[in-house]
Protein backbone atom coordinates (compact mmCIF):
# COMPACT_ATOMS: atom_id res chain seq x y z
CA MET A 1 15.85 -68.20 -0.25
CA ARG A 2 14.86 -68.44 -4.08
CA ILE A 3 18.32 -69.03 -5.01
CA GLU A 4 18.78 -71.55 -2.41
CA ASP A 5 15.72 -73.50 -3.67
CA LEU A 6 16.71 -73.53 -6.85
CA MET A 7 20.16 -74.72 -5.99
CA SER A 8 18.66 -77.78 -4.22
CA GLU A 9 16.56 -78.21 -7.35
CA LEU A 10 19.90 -78.45 -9.73
CA ARG A 11 21.76 -80.21 -7.28
CA ASP A 12 20.96 -83.94 -8.77
CA LEU A 13 21.52 -82.76 -12.47
CA TYR A 14 25.09 -80.46 -11.44
CA THR A 15 27.86 -80.13 -9.50
CA ILE A 16 27.14 -76.62 -7.87
CA VAL A 17 30.14 -74.77 -6.27
CA ILE A 18 29.63 -71.67 -4.26
CA VAL A 19 31.77 -69.56 -2.19
CA THR A 20 30.57 -67.49 1.03
CA GLN A 21 31.43 -66.07 4.27
CA ASN A 22 28.31 -66.47 5.27
CA MET A 23 27.60 -69.71 7.69
CA GLN A 24 24.36 -69.89 8.00
CA GLN A 25 23.74 -70.19 4.18
CA THR A 26 26.65 -72.40 3.67
CA ALA A 27 25.23 -74.87 6.77
CA ARG A 28 21.46 -74.76 4.97
CA VAL A 29 22.81 -74.91 1.47
CA ALA A 30 25.94 -77.29 0.99
CA ASP A 31 26.29 -81.19 0.82
CA ARG A 32 30.05 -80.70 1.71
CA THR A 33 32.01 -77.96 2.98
CA ALA A 34 35.89 -76.89 2.46
CA PHE A 35 37.47 -74.49 4.49
CA PHE A 36 40.19 -72.67 2.88
CA THR A 37 43.25 -70.11 4.41
CA ALA A 38 46.20 -68.47 3.65
CA THR A 39 49.73 -69.00 5.05
CA VAL A 40 51.98 -65.91 5.18
CA ASP A 41 55.77 -66.64 4.77
CA GLU A 42 56.97 -64.52 7.19
CA THR A 43 60.28 -63.53 5.38
CA THR A 44 58.69 -62.61 2.09
CA GLY A 45 55.33 -61.69 2.86
CA ASP A 46 53.85 -64.08 0.01
CA ARG A 47 50.62 -65.73 0.55
CA THR A 48 49.76 -69.35 -0.13
CA GLY A 49 46.38 -70.95 -0.56
CA GLU A 50 45.68 -73.64 2.16
CA LEU A 51 43.05 -76.26 2.10
CA VAL A 52 42.32 -76.92 6.01
CA GLU A 53 39.86 -79.07 6.13
CA PHE A 54 37.37 -80.74 3.67
CA ASP A 55 34.32 -82.97 5.05
CA LEU A 56 30.31 -83.39 5.29
CA THR A 57 28.92 -80.08 6.24
CA ILE A 58 27.64 -81.26 9.15
CA THR A 59 31.09 -82.84 10.61
CA ILE A 60 32.73 -79.46 9.76
CA PHE A 61 30.10 -77.39 11.54
CA GLU A 62 29.63 -79.61 14.45
CA SER A 63 32.95 -81.12 15.16
CA PRO A 64 35.54 -80.06 12.83
CA SER A 65 39.44 -81.72 12.87
CA ASP A 66 41.30 -79.03 12.80
CA PRO A 67 41.07 -76.41 15.41
CA ARG A 68 41.46 -73.20 12.89
CA THR A 69 38.15 -74.49 11.21
CA GLU A 70 36.45 -74.50 14.54
CA ALA A 71 38.11 -70.91 15.36
CA TYR A 72 36.58 -69.59 11.70
CA ILE A 73 33.28 -71.01 12.28
CA THR A 74 32.70 -70.02 15.72
CA GLY A 75 34.16 -66.55 14.97
CA ARG A 76 36.99 -66.49 17.18
CA PHE A 77 39.56 -66.49 13.57
CA GLY A 78 38.68 -64.27 10.33
């Protein structure tokens, strides 16, 4: 909680980027949220990062526009 409080204090002065898999923490501290995934090339097995969705955190958590985002947030993917 102390780190989250500090982040709230510093957000007016700095841009803070956090990477987390903790959905509860993201919902508490983020103004905006991005959801990334990896696309796998079926022939080579290579993985390419893909930005699936970026929006206000409340939008991502309450009405995501991509079904993959909703699946991840609800625990049905990943």
